[in-house]
Amino acid sequence: MDNLCETCWNYDYDEEYDEYYCMKDLDEDEVYRYLVSRQTRCPFYRQGDDYTLARKQ
């Protein structure tokens, strides 16, 4: 699978746990469908970074 998490809007750093994680709030069914699907890309991927909002202002 393509791992584009580093450029995804939903990917964030948690200082408390000192790790990155996906902020997308998925329920059990959504996680299951994603894990068993044959998709090559995350259906929740959204292009963005820290400067996305700054560029729009």
N, C-alpha and C. Protein backbone atom coordinates (compact mmCIF):
# COMPACT_ATOMS: atom_id res chain seq x y z
N MET A 1 0.84 -1.19 0.00
CA MET A 1 0.00 0.00 0.00
C MET A 1 0.88 1.25 0.00
N ASP A 2 0.39 2.27 -0.66
CA ASP A 2 1.09 3.54 -0.64
C ASP A 2 0.92 4.17 0.73
N ASN A 3 2.03 4.54 1.32
CA ASN A 3 1.97 5.17 2.63
C ASN A 3 2.28 6.65 2.46
N LEU A 4 1.24 7.46 2.34
CA LEU A 4 1.41 8.89 2.16
C LEU A 4 1.05 9.64 3.44
N CYS A 5 1.09 8.96 4.55
CA CYS A 5 0.67 9.57 5.81
C CYS A 5 1.41 10.87 6.10
N GLU A 6 2.69 10.91 5.78
CA GLU A 6 3.50 12.09 6.10
C GLU A 6 2.98 13.36 5.44
N THR A 7 2.27 13.24 4.33
CA THR A 7 1.75 14.43 3.64
C THR A 7 0.24 14.57 3.81
N CYS A 8 -0.35 13.77 4.69
CA CYS A 8 -1.80 13.79 4.88
C CYS A 8 -2.20 14.81 5.94
N TRP A 9 -3.29 15.49 5.68
CA TRP A 9 -3.85 16.48 6.60
C TRP A 9 -4.22 15.83 7.94
N ASN A 10 -4.60 14.56 7.93
CA ASN A 10 -5.06 13.86 9.13
C ASN A 10 -3.93 13.27 9.97
N TYR A 11 -2.69 13.45 9.57
CA TYR A 11 -1.55 12.86 10.27
C TYR A 11 -0.97 13.90 11.21
N ASP A 12 -0.89 13.59 12.50
CA ASP A 12 -0.44 14.57 13.48
C ASP A 12 0.48 13.93 14.51
N TYR A 13 1.20 14.77 15.21
CA TYR A 13 2.14 14.31 16.23
C TYR A 13 1.54 14.46 17.61
N ASP A 14 1.65 13.44 18.43
CA ASP A 14 1.17 13.46 19.80
C ASP A 14 2.37 13.57 20.72
N GLU A 15 2.53 14.73 21.37
CA GLU A 15 3.68 14.96 22.23
C GLU A 15 3.67 14.07 23.46
N GLU A 16 2.48 13.76 23.96
CA GLU A 16 2.39 12.93 25.16
C GLU A 16 2.94 11.52 24.91
N TYR A 17 2.59 10.94 23.76
CA TYR A 17 3.05 9.59 23.43
C TYR A 17 4.30 9.59 22.56
N ASP A 18 4.74 10.77 22.14
CA ASP A 18 5.94 10.93 21.32
C ASP A 18 5.86 10.07 20.05
N GLU A 19 4.72 10.19 19.34
CA GLU A 19 4.55 9.44 18.10
C GLU A 19 3.52 10.12 17.20
N TYR A 20 3.56 9.77 15.94
CA TYR A 20 2.59 10.28 14.97
C TYR A 20 1.40 9.34 14.91
N TYR A 21 0.24 9.88 14.55
CA TYR A 21 -0.97 9.07 14.48
C TYR A 21 -1.94 9.70 13.49
N CYS A 22 -2.91 8.91 13.07
CA CYS A 22 -3.96 9.40 12.18
C CYS A 22 -5.08 9.99 13.03
N MET A 23 -5.44 11.24 12.77
CA MET A 23 -6.48 11.92 13.55
C MET A 23 -7.89 11.55 13.08
N LYS A 24 -8.00 10.87 11.98
CA LYS A 24 -9.31 10.52 11.44
C LYS A 24 -10.03 9.62 12.44
N ASP A 25 -11.19 10.03 12.86
CA ASP A 25 -11.96 9.28 13.85
C ASP A 25 -12.80 8.22 13.13
N LEU A 26 -12.28 6.99 13.12
CA LEU A 26 -12.94 5.89 12.41
C LEU A 26 -13.61 4.96 13.40
N ASP A 27 -14.76 4.45 13.02
CA ASP A 27 -15.39 3.44 13.86
C ASP A 27 -14.87 2.07 13.46
N GLU A 28 -15.24 1.05 14.22
CA GLU A 28 -14.75 -0.31 13.97
C GLU A 28 -15.01 -0.79 12.55
N ASP A 29 -16.20 -0.52 12.05
CA ASP A 29 -16.56 -0.97 10.70
C ASP A 29 -15.69 -0.33 9.64
N GLU A 30 -15.42 0.97 9.77
CA GLU A 30 -14.59 1.66 8.79
C GLU A 30 -13.16 1.12 8.80
N VAL A 31 -12.63 0.88 9.99
CA VAL A 31 -11.28 0.33 10.09
C VAL A 31 -11.23 -1.06 9.46
N TYR A 32 -12.20 -1.88 9.75
CA TYR A 32 -12.25 -3.23 9.19
C TYR A 32 -12.32 -3.19 7.66
N ARG A 33 -13.23 -2.36 7.13
CA ARG A 33 -13.38 -2.27 5.67
C ARG A 33 -12.07 -1.82 5.02
N TYR A 34 -11.39 -0.88 5.64
CA TYR A 34 -10.12 -0.39 5.08
C TYR A 34 -9.06 -1.49 5.12
N LEU A 35 -8.96 -2.20 6.22
CA LEU A 35 -7.91 -3.21 6.37
C LEU A 35 -8.11 -4.42 5.45
N VAL A 36 -9.36 -4.78 5.16
CA VAL A 36 -9.60 -5.94 4.31
C VAL A 36 -9.81 -5.57 2.84
N SER A 37 -9.86 -4.29 2.55
CA SER A 37 -10.08 -3.87 1.16
C SER A 37 -8.83 -4.07 0.34
N ARG A 38 -9.00 -4.05 -0.95
CA ARG A 38 -7.87 -4.20 -1.87
C ARG A 38 -7.41 -2.85 -2.39
N GLN A 39 -7.86 -1.80 -1.74
CA GLN A 39 -7.45 -0.47 -2.17
C GLN A 39 -5.96 -0.30 -1.96
N THR A 40 -5.34 0.43 -2.86
CA THR A 40 -3.91 0.68 -2.73
C THR A 40 -3.62 2.01 -2.06
N ARG A 41 -4.65 2.82 -1.89
CA ARG A 41 -4.48 4.12 -1.24
C ARG A 41 -5.53 4.29 -0.15
N CYS A 42 -5.17 5.05 0.86
CA CYS A 42 -6.09 5.32 1.95
C CYS A 42 -7.25 6.17 1.45
N PRO A 43 -8.49 5.76 1.70
CA PRO A 43 -9.64 6.53 1.23
C PRO A 43 -9.84 7.83 2.01
N PHE A 44 -9.11 7.99 3.09
CA PHE A 44 -9.26 9.19 3.92
C PHE A 44 -8.12 10.17 3.73
N TYR A 45 -7.23 9.87 2.79
CA TYR A 45 -6.09 10.74 2.53
C TYR A 45 -6.55 12.11 2.05
N ARG A 46 -5.96 13.14 2.61
CA ARG A 46 -6.26 14.51 2.20
C ARG A 46 -4.94 15.27 2.16
N GLN A 47 -4.56 15.75 0.98
CA GLN A 47 -3.30 16.47 0.82
C GLN A 47 -3.28 17.69 1.72
N GLY A 48 -2.21 17.87 2.44
CA GLY A 48 -2.09 19.05 3.28
C GLY A 48 -0.85 18.98 4.14
N ASP A 49 -0.49 20.14 4.69
CA ASP A 49 0.64 20.21 5.61
C ASP A 49 0.45 21.44 6.49
N ASP A 50 1.46 21.78 7.26
CA ASP A 50 1.35 22.91 8.19
C ASP A 50 1.13 24.23 7.48
N TYR A 51 1.49 24.31 6.22
CA TYR A 51 1.40 25.57 5.49
C TYR A 51 0.15 25.70 4.63
N THR A 52 -0.68 24.69 4.61
CA THR A 52 -1.88 24.72 3.77
C THR A 52 -2.78 25.90 4.12
N LEU A 53 -3.07 26.09 5.40
CA LEU A 53 -3.92 27.21 5.81
C LEU A 53 -3.23 28.53 5.59
N ALA A 54 -1.94 28.61 5.84
CA ALA A 54 -1.19 29.87 5.67
C ALA A 54 -1.22 30.33 4.23
N ARG A 55 -1.15 29.41 3.28
CA ARG A 55 -1.17 29.80 1.87
C ARG A 55 -2.52 30.37 1.47
N LYS A 56 -3.59 29.97 2.14
CA LYS A 56 -4.92 30.45 1.79
C LYS A 56 -5.22 31.83 2.38
N GLN A 57 -4.45 32.24 3.37
CA GLN A 57 -4.70 33.53 4.03
C GLN A 57 -4.09 34.67 3.28
